[in-house]
Amino acid sequence: MDIQTFIANYREAFGEQTELPLVFWYSKAPVNRIEKVNGCFFKCFSRVREGEIVSLNAENIGCGGGKLYTGFSDMPEMVPNFVSGKEHYKKTPELVRTFIEELDMPRVTEQYLNFARMDLVESFDNLEGVIFLATPDVLSGLTSWTFFDNNNPDTVATIFGSGCSAIVSQAVVENRAGGRRTFIGLFDPSVRPYFEPDRISFVIPMCRFREMYYTMRQSCLFDTHAWGKIRERITAL
């Protein structure tokens, strides 16, 4: 697996102007620790997309849920009542607790969670997942590629939750279990303001990406009339 080979394939399939995916991984030391992010840490994602590596930890993540869903803390006592009573994302606090228990996000032993654009890392070693911020047309291609070698109905899963649970937690849990699911996210209204109206996240855990890396050029993304028409529309924007 070679990053530059994948980037070349990705640009050939989706067009040169399509935004490159992001990657994330844990480490003992920061690559580029930033100042504290008050509220949702996705406020800093514009910096990652522009080419800055960002290192987060329990001290500079200002949201209790963000610390929980990145594995830096246990569930704060206020989360169930806040998600249910304040945000109205779940009918009862008990549903929130059940969601968090069933997610079973592990407490991480590393001190930092790093995000970077894919072209800024040297290898796929030690990564937890790959994040695509996709338009509907790009999402169509990613989903088609994902189902190319897998008929399971949960091959592409949509599990409503906070942006950090949909992007980080689901990928980490799946990666460490060696699963094959991928995840569509950013449906949480609280995180939507930090992304364009036509962007949805598509996250491939590294355990699954290691399989999909080798199927990309075999899939409909190359040398098919149907995808060729969509690629033309993407590149015309």
C-alpha atoms as a PDB file:
ATOM      1  CA  MET A   1       0.000   0.000   0.000  1.00  0.00           C
ATOM      2  CA  ASP A   2       1.386   3.326  -1.089  1.00  0.00           C
ATOM      3  CA  ILE A   3      -0.164   6.696  -0.309  1.00  0.00           C
ATOM      4  CA  GLN A   4       0.941   8.414  -3.490  1.00  0.00           C
ATOM      5  CA  THR A   5      -0.431   5.555  -5.597  1.00  0.00           C
ATOM      6  CA  PHE A   6      -3.787   5.822  -3.856  1.00  0.00           C
ATOM      7  CA  ILE A   7      -3.892   9.607  -4.277  1.00  0.00           C
ATOM      8  CA  ALA A   8      -3.161   9.220  -7.993  1.00  0.00           C
ATOM      9  CA  ASN A   9      -5.934   6.636  -8.337  1.00  0.00           C
ATOM     10  CA  TYR A  10      -8.345   8.762  -6.321  1.00  0.00           C
ATOM     11  CA  ARG A  11      -7.732  11.828  -8.458  1.00  0.00           C
ATOM     12  CA  GLU A  12      -8.085   9.786 -11.624  1.00  0.00           C
ATOM     13  CA  ALA A  13     -11.409   8.391 -10.405  1.00  0.00           C
ATOM     14  CA  PHE A  14     -12.904  11.563  -8.933  1.00  0.00           C
ATOM     15  CA  GLY A  15     -11.081  14.383 -10.677  1.00  0.00           C
ATOM     16  CA  GLU A  16      -8.106  16.535  -9.789  1.00  0.00           C
ATOM     17  CA  GLN A  17     -10.190  19.160  -8.005  1.00  0.00           C
ATOM     18  CA  THR A  18     -11.962  16.725  -5.656  1.00  0.00           C
ATOM     19  CA  GLU A  19     -10.855  17.280  -2.078  1.00  0.00           C
ATOM     20  CA  LEU A  20      -8.343  14.755  -0.794  1.00  0.00           C
ATOM     21  CA  PRO A  21      -9.395  12.583   2.139  1.00  0.00           C
ATOM     22  CA  LEU A  22      -8.182  13.132   5.679  1.00  0.00           C
ATOM     23  CA  VAL A  23      -6.627  10.545   7.989  1.00  0.00           C
ATOM     24  CA  PHE A  24      -6.392  10.236  11.754  1.00  0.00           C
ATOM     25  CA  TRP A  25      -4.280   8.343  14.251  1.00  0.00           C
ATOM     26  CA  TYR A  26      -3.262   8.334  17.918  1.00  0.00           C
ATOM     27  CA  SER A  27       0.230   9.028  19.211  1.00  0.00           C
ATOM     28  CA  LYS A  28       2.142   9.460  22.446  1.00  0.00           C
ATOM     29  CA  ALA A  29       3.458  12.878  21.396  1.00  0.00           C
ATOM     30  CA  PRO A  30       1.729  15.649  19.446  1.00  0.00           C
ATOM     31  CA  VAL A  31       2.555  16.369  15.828  1.00  0.00           C
ATOM     32  CA  ASN A  32       1.151  19.885  16.089  1.00  0.00           C
ATOM     33  CA  ARG A  33      -0.685  20.624  19.305  1.00  0.00           C
ATOM     34  CA  ILE A  34      -3.072  23.543  18.892  1.00  0.00           C
ATOM     35  CA  GLU A  35      -4.755  25.909  21.307  1.00  0.00           C
ATOM     36  CA  LYS A  36      -7.887  24.808  23.160  1.00  0.00           C
ATOM     37  CA  VAL A  37     -10.959  24.444  20.947  1.00  0.00           C
ATOM     38  CA  ASN A  38     -13.981  25.594  22.904  1.00  0.00           C
ATOM     39  CA  GLY A  39     -17.131  23.729  21.964  1.00  0.00           C
ATOM     40  CA  CYS A  40     -17.100  21.332  19.011  1.00  0.00           C
ATOM     41  CA  PHE A  41     -13.564  20.438  17.923  1.00  0.00           C
ATOM     42  CA  PHE A  42     -14.713  20.253  14.305  1.00  0.00           C
ATOM     43  CA  LYS A  43     -14.285  24.025  14.330  1.00  0.00           C
ATOM     44  CA  CYS A  44     -10.616  23.308  13.572  1.00  0.00           C
ATOM     45  CA  PHE A  45     -11.279  21.000  10.633  1.00  0.00           C
ATOM     46  CA  SER A  46     -10.993  23.815   8.108  1.00  0.00           C
ATOM     47  CA  ARG A  47      -7.336  24.047   9.140  1.00  0.00           C
ATOM     48  CA  VAL A  48      -6.833  20.322   8.561  1.00  0.00           C
ATOM     49  CA  ARG A  49      -8.494  20.519   5.155  1.00  0.00           C
ATOM     50  CA  GLU A  50      -6.211  23.410   4.219  1.00  0.00           C
ATOM     51  CA  GLY A  51      -3.071  21.415   5.017  1.00  0.00           C
ATOM     52  CA  GLU A  52      -2.343  21.820   8.734  1.00  0.00           C
ATOM     53  CA  ILE A  53      -1.852  18.771  10.933  1.00  0.00           C
ATOM     54  CA  VAL A  54      -3.842  19.153  14.149  1.00  0.00           C
ATOM     55  CA  SER A  55      -3.168  17.270  17.396  1.00  0.00           C
ATOM     56  CA  LEU A  56      -5.952  17.091  19.986  1.00  0.00           C
ATOM     57  CA  ASN A  57      -5.978  15.732  23.510  1.00  0.00           C
ATOM     58  CA  ALA A  58      -8.002  15.853  26.706  1.00  0.00           C
ATOM     59  CA  GLU A  59      -6.748  19.347  27.461  1.00  0.00           C
ATOM     60  CA  ASN A  60      -7.450  21.141  24.197  1.00  0.00           C
ATOM     61  CA  ILE A  61     -10.783  19.467  23.402  1.00  0.00           C
ATOM     62  CA  GLY A  62     -13.284  21.736  25.097  1.00  0.00           C
ATOM     63  CA  CYS A  63     -16.360  19.529  24.702  1.00  0.00           C
ATOM     64  CA  GLY A  64     -17.087  16.761  27.207  1.00  0.00           C
ATOM     65  CA  GLY A  65     -18.686  14.634  24.510  1.00  0.00           C
ATOM     66  CA  GLY A  66     -15.671  15.210  22.290  1.00  0.00           C
ATOM     67  CA  LYS A  67     -13.372  13.846  24.985  1.00  0.00           C
ATOM     68  CA  LEU A  68     -15.643  10.840  25.456  1.00  0.00           C
ATOM     69  CA  TYR A  69     -15.978   9.960  21.769  1.00  0.00           C
ATOM     70  CA  THR A  70     -12.251  10.277  21.127  1.00  0.00           C
ATOM     71  CA  GLY A  71     -11.461   7.923  23.999  1.00  0.00           C
ATOM     72  CA  PHE A  72      -9.815  10.456  26.285  1.00  0.00           C
ATOM     73  CA  SER A  73     -12.403  10.283  29.094  1.00  0.00           C
ATOM     74  CA  ASP A  74     -15.291   8.316  30.471  1.00  0.00           C
ATOM     75  CA  MET A  75     -18.802   9.627  29.940  1.00  0.00           C
ATOM     76  CA  PRO A  76     -19.351  12.935  31.778  1.00  0.00           C
ATOM     77  CA  GLU A  77     -22.384  12.763  34.068  1.00  0.00           C
ATOM     78  CA  MET A  78     -24.126  15.604  32.252  1.00  0.00           C
ATOM     79  CA  VAL A  79     -24.056  14.025  28.768  1.00  0.00           C
ATOM     80  CA  PRO A  80     -27.269  11.923  28.870  1.00  0.00           C
ATOM     81  CA  ASN A  81     -29.421  14.766  30.192  1.00  0.00           C
ATOM     82  CA  PHE A  82     -27.788  17.285  27.849  1.00  0.00           C
ATOM     83  CA  VAL A  83     -28.241  15.176  24.713  1.00  0.00           C
ATOM     84  CA  SER A  84     -31.840  14.339  25.608  1.00  0.00           C
ATOM     85  CA  GLY A  85     -33.122  17.394  27.472  1.00  0.00           C
ATOM     86  CA  LYS A  86     -31.136  20.180  25.801  1.00  0.00           C
ATOM     87  CA  GLU A  87     -30.347  18.940  22.286  1.00  0.00           C
ATOM     88  CA  HIS A  88     -33.392  16.627  21.937  1.00  0.00           C
ATOM     89  CA  TYR A  89     -31.381  14.087  19.923  1.00  0.00           C
ATOM     90  CA  LYS A  90     -32.694  11.179  22.001  1.00  0.00           C
ATOM     91  CA  LYS A  91     -36.086  10.798  23.669  1.00  0.00           C
ATOM     92  CA  THR A  92     -34.686   9.890  27.087  1.00  0.00           C
ATOM     93  CA  PRO A  93     -31.353  10.000  28.929  1.00  0.00           C
ATOM     94  CA  GLU A  94     -31.579   6.218  29.158  1.00  0.00           C
ATOM     95  CA  LEU A  95     -31.436   5.968  25.358  1.00  0.00           C
ATOM     96  CA  VAL A  96     -28.280   8.082  25.420  1.00  0.00           C
ATOM     97  CA  ARG A  97     -26.672   5.853  28.028  1.00  0.00           C
ATOM     98  CA  THR A  98     -27.596   2.743  26.031  1.00  0.00           C
ATOM     99  CA  PHE A  99     -26.118   4.241  22.860  1.00  0.00           C
ATOM    100  CA  ILE A 100     -22.821   4.992  24.614  1.00  0.00           C
ATOM    101  CA  GLU A 101     -22.690   1.591  26.320  1.00  0.00           C
ATOM    102  CA  GLU A 102     -23.333  -0.258  23.064  1.00  0.00           C
ATOM    103  CA  LEU A 103     -20.796   1.862  21.180  1.00  0.00           C
ATOM    104  CA  ASP A 104     -18.158   0.714  23.694  1.00  0.00           C
ATOM    105  CA  MET A 105     -15.548   3.286  22.711  1.00  0.00           C
ATOM    106  CA  PRO A 106     -12.277   2.190  24.353  1.00  0.00           C
ATOM    107  CA  ARG A 107     -10.242   4.461  26.553  1.00  0.00           C
ATOM    108  CA  VAL A 108      -7.077   5.126  24.582  1.00  0.00           C
ATOM    109  CA  THR A 109      -3.609   4.877  26.077  1.00  0.00           C
ATOM    110  CA  GLU A 110      -2.042   7.431  23.734  1.00  0.00           C
ATOM    111  CA  GLN A 111      -2.237  11.103  24.666  1.00  0.00           C
ATOM    112  CA  TYR A 112      -2.957  12.673  21.265  1.00  0.00           C
ATOM    113  CA  LEU A 113      -5.343  12.267  18.354  1.00  0.00           C
ATOM    114  CA  ASN A 114      -3.949  13.657  15.105  1.00  0.00           C
ATOM    115  CA  PHE A 115      -5.788  14.703  11.949  1.00  0.00           C
ATOM    116  CA  ALA A 116      -4.053  15.399   8.629  1.00  0.00           C
ATOM    117  CA  ARG A 117      -4.768  15.569   4.942  1.00  0.00           C
ATOM    118  CA  MET A 118      -3.699  12.319   3.336  1.00  0.00           C
ATOM    119  CA  ASP A 119      -0.947  13.878   1.232  1.00  0.00           C
ATOM    120  CA  LEU A 120       0.817  15.039   4.402  1.00  0.00           C
ATOM    121  CA  VAL A 121       1.493  11.590   5.870  1.00  0.00           C
ATOM    122  CA  GLU A 122       4.117   9.172   4.622  1.00  0.00           C
ATOM    123  CA  SER A 123       2.366   5.829   5.059  1.00  0.00           C
ATOM    124  CA  PHE A 124      -0.825   4.107   6.129  1.00  0.00           C
ATOM    125  CA  ASP A 125       0.893   2.566   9.144  1.00  0.00           C
ATOM    126  CA  ASN A 126      -0.855   3.101  12.503  1.00  0.00           C
ATOM    127  CA  LEU A 127      -3.785   5.046  11.032  1.00  0.00           C
ATOM    128  CA  GLU A 128      -7.263   4.458  12.475  1.00  0.00           C
ATOM    129  CA  GLY A 129      -9.284   5.568   9.478  1.00  0.00           C
ATOM    130  CA  VAL A 130      -9.720   7.587   6.310  1.00  0.00           C
ATOM    131  CA  ILE A 131     -12.257  10.446   6.195  1.00  0.00           C
ATOM    132  CA  PHE A 132     -13.861  11.618   2.968  1.00  0.00           C
ATOM    133  CA  LEU A 133     -15.929  14.826   2.992  1.00  0.00           C
ATOM    134  CA  ALA A 134     -18.111  14.002   0.045  1.00  0.00           C
ATOM    135  CA  THR A 135     -20.698  15.631  -2.171  1.00  0.00           C
ATOM    136  CA  PRO A 136     -23.617  13.386  -3.239  1.00  0.00           C
ATOM    137  CA  ASP A 137     -21.854  12.452  -6.510  1.00  0.00           C
ATOM    138  CA  VAL A 138     -18.589  11.590  -4.745  1.00  0.00           C
ATOM    139  CA  LEU A 139     -20.555   9.682  -2.096  1.00  0.00           C
ATOM    140  CA  SER A 140     -22.167   7.672  -4.890  1.00  0.00           C
ATOM    141  CA  GLY A 141     -18.748   6.581  -6.113  1.00  0.00           C
ATOM    142  CA  LEU A 142     -17.412   5.789  -2.652  1.00  0.00           C
ATOM    143  CA  THR A 143     -20.483   3.733  -1.790  1.00  0.00           C
ATOM    144  CA  SER A 144     -20.355   1.826  -5.085  1.00  0.00           C
ATOM    145  CA  TRP A 145     -16.687   1.032  -4.513  1.00  0.00           C
ATOM    146  CA  THR A 146     -17.394  -0.115  -0.951  1.00  0.00           C
ATOM    147  CA  PHE A 147     -20.090  -2.569  -2.037  1.00  0.00           C
ATOM    148  CA  PHE A 148     -17.922  -3.942  -4.868  1.00  0.00           C
ATOM    149  CA  ASP A 149     -16.642  -6.861  -2.809  1.00  0.00           C
ATOM    150  CA  ASN A 150     -19.134  -7.001   0.063  1.00  0.00           C
ATOM    151  CA  ASN A 151     -22.875  -7.763  -0.027  1.00  0.00           C
ATOM    152  CA  ASN A 152     -23.509  -7.350   3.695  1.00  0.00           C
ATOM    153  CA  PRO A 153     -26.365  -4.896   4.345  1.00  0.00           C
ATOM    154  CA  ASP A 154     -24.272  -2.986   6.887  1.00  0.00           C
ATOM    155  CA  THR A 155     -21.328  -2.549   4.498  1.00  0.00           C
ATOM    156  CA  VAL A 156     -22.195   1.161   4.580  1.00  0.00           C
ATOM    157  CA  ALA A 157     -23.741   2.056   7.943  1.00  0.00           C
ATOM    158  CA  THR A 158     -25.489   5.194   9.109  1.00  0.00           C
ATOM    159  CA  ILE A 159     -25.557   5.456  12.890  1.00  0.00           C
ATOM    160  CA  PHE A 160     -26.876   8.778  14.167  1.00  0.00           C
ATOM    161  CA  GLY A 161     -24.663  10.390  16.757  1.00  0.00           C
ATOM    162  CA  SER A 162     -22.414  13.357  17.359  1.00  0.00           C
ATOM    163  CA  GLY A 163     -19.953  14.211  14.607  1.00  0.00           C
ATOM    164  CA  CYS A 164     -17.094  12.866  16.685  1.00  0.00           C
ATOM    165  CA  SER A 165     -18.863   9.582  17.414  1.00  0.00           C
ATOM    166  CA  ALA A 166     -19.789   9.097  13.747  1.00  0.00           C
ATOM    167  CA  ILE A 167     -16.291   9.863  12.460  1.00  0.00           C
ATOM    168  CA  VAL A 168     -13.879   8.855  15.229  1.00  0.00           C
ATOM    169  CA  SER A 169     -15.603   6.398  17.571  1.00  0.00           C
ATOM    170  CA  GLN A 170     -17.246   4.195  14.974  1.00  0.00           C
ATOM    171  CA  ALA A 171     -14.026   3.914  12.962  1.00  0.00           C
ATOM    172  CA  VAL A 172     -11.845   3.209  15.998  1.00  0.00           C
ATOM    173  CA  VAL A 173     -14.170   0.525  17.356  1.00  0.00           C
ATOM    174  CA  GLU A 174     -14.514  -1.099  13.926  1.00  0.00           C
ATOM    175  CA  ASN A 175     -10.794  -0.913  13.168  1.00  0.00           C
ATOM    176  CA  ARG A 176      -9.781  -2.516  16.420  1.00  0.00           C
ATOM    177  CA  ALA A 177     -12.372  -5.259  15.936  1.00  0.00           C
ATOM    178  CA  GLY A 178     -11.157  -5.942  12.384  1.00  0.00           C
ATOM    179  CA  GLY A 179     -14.628  -5.335  10.964  1.00  0.00           C
ATOM    180  CA  ARG A 180     -15.733  -4.456   7.436  1.00  0.00           C
ATOM    181  CA  ARG A 181     -18.261  -1.674   8.003  1.00  0.00           C
ATOM    182  CA  THR A 182     -17.845   1.880   6.722  1.00  0.00           C
ATOM    183  CA  PHE A 183     -19.765   4.867   8.064  1.00  0.00           C
ATOM    184  CA  ILE A 184     -21.703   7.807   6.672  1.00  0.00           C
ATOM    185  CA  GLY A 185     -21.976  10.689   9.132  1.00  0.00           C
ATOM    186  CA  LEU A 186     -22.221  14.407   9.900  1.00  0.00           C
ATOM    187  CA  PHE A 187     -26.001  14.216  10.295  1.00  0.00           C
ATOM    188  CA  ASP A 188     -25.819  15.758  13.771  1.00  0.00           C
ATOM    189  CA  PRO A 189     -27.269  19.309  13.431  1.00  0.00           C
ATOM    190  CA  SER A 190     -24.723  20.557  15.968  1.00  0.00           C
ATOM    191  CA  VAL A 191     -21.791  19.746  13.672  1.00  0.00           C
ATOM    192  CA  ARG A 192     -23.377  20.729  10.335  1.00  0.00           C
ATOM    193  CA  PRO A 193     -22.470  24.460  10.605  1.00  0.00           C
ATOM    194  CA  TYR A 194     -18.752  23.604  10.367  1.00  0.00           C
ATOM    195  CA  PHE A 195     -19.123  22.006   6.929  1.00  0.00           C
ATOM    196  CA  GLU A 196     -20.587  23.007   3.601  1.00  0.00           C
ATOM    197  CA  PRO A 197     -24.280  22.219   3.020  1.00  0.00           C
ATOM    198  CA  ASP A 198     -23.428  19.592   0.390  1.00  0.00           C
ATOM    199  CA  ARG A 199     -20.809  17.661   2.398  1.00  0.00           C
ATOM    200  CA  ILE A 200     -21.348  14.384   4.239  1.00  0.00           C
ATOM    201  CA  SER A 201     -18.616  12.334   5.883  1.00  0.00           C
ATOM    202  CA  PHE A 202     -17.716   8.858   4.685  1.00  0.00           C
ATOM    203  CA  VAL A 203     -15.250   7.066   6.949  1.00  0.00           C
ATOM    204  CA  ILE A 204     -13.386   3.885   6.100  1.00  0.00           C
ATOM    205  CA  PRO A 205     -11.689   2.211   9.098  1.00  0.00           C
ATOM    206  CA  MET A 206      -8.161   1.124   8.231  1.00  0.00           C
ATOM    207  CA  CYS A 207      -8.936  -2.571   8.635  1.00  0.00           C
ATOM    208  CA  ARG A 208     -11.422  -2.216   5.768  1.00  0.00           C
ATOM    209  CA  PHE A 209      -9.364   0.278   3.776  1.00  0.00           C
ATOM    210  CA  ARG A 210      -6.545  -2.263   3.526  1.00  0.00           C
ATOM    211  CA  GLU A 211      -8.940  -4.456   1.531  1.00  0.00           C
ATOM    212  CA  MET A 212     -10.515  -1.682  -0.511  1.00  0.00           C
ATOM    213  CA  TYR A 213      -7.171  -0.198  -1.532  1.00  0.00           C
ATOM    214  CA  TYR A 214      -6.694  -3.144  -3.897  1.00  0.00           C
ATOM    215  CA  THR A 215     -10.228  -3.149  -5.353  1.00  0.00           C
ATOM    216  CA  MET A 216     -10.505   0.496  -6.386  1.00  0.00           C
ATOM    217  CA  ARG A 217      -9.291   0.114  -9.969  1.00  0.00           C
ATOM    218  CA  GLN A 218     -11.371  -3.042 -10.424  1.00  0.00           C
ATOM    219  CA  SER A 219     -14.586  -1.278  -9.412  1.00  0.00           C
ATOM    220  CA  CYS A 220     -16.976   0.833 -11.481  1.00  0.00           C
ATOM    221  CA  LEU A 221     -14.829   3.912 -10.781  1.00  0.00           C
ATOM    222  CA  PHE A 222     -12.628   2.999 -13.746  1.00  0.00           C
ATOM    223  CA  ASP A 223     -13.547   2.325 -17.356  1.00  0.00           C
ATOM    224  CA  THR A 224     -17.335   2.322 -17.039  1.00  0.00           C
ATOM    225  CA  HIS A 225     -19.799   4.463 -18.958  1.00  0.00           C
ATOM    226  CA  ALA A 226     -22.020   5.123 -15.932  1.00  0.00           C
ATOM    227  CA  TRP A 227     -19.271   6.442 -13.670  1.00  0.00           C
ATOM    228  CA  GLY A 228     -17.701   8.331 -16.549  1.00  0.00           C
ATOM    229  CA  LYS A 229     -20.834  10.491 -16.806  1.00  0.00           C
ATOM    230  CA  ILE A 230     -20.747  11.261 -13.079  1.00  0.00           C
ATOM    231  CA  ARG A 231     -17.027  12.025 -13.173  1.00  0.00           C
ATOM    232  CA  GLU A 232     -17.662  14.510 -15.975  1.00  0.00           C
ATOM    233  CA  ARG A 233     -20.250  16.254 -13.838  1.00  0.00           C
ATOM    234  CA  ILE A 234     -17.883  16.342 -10.847  1.00  0.00           C
ATOM    235  CA  THR A 235     -15.026  17.782 -12.897  1.00  0.00           C
ATOM    236  CA  ALA A 236     -17.312  20.356 -14.529  1.00  0.00           C
ATOM    237  CA  LEU A 237     -18.053  22.043 -11.195  1.00  0.00           C
END
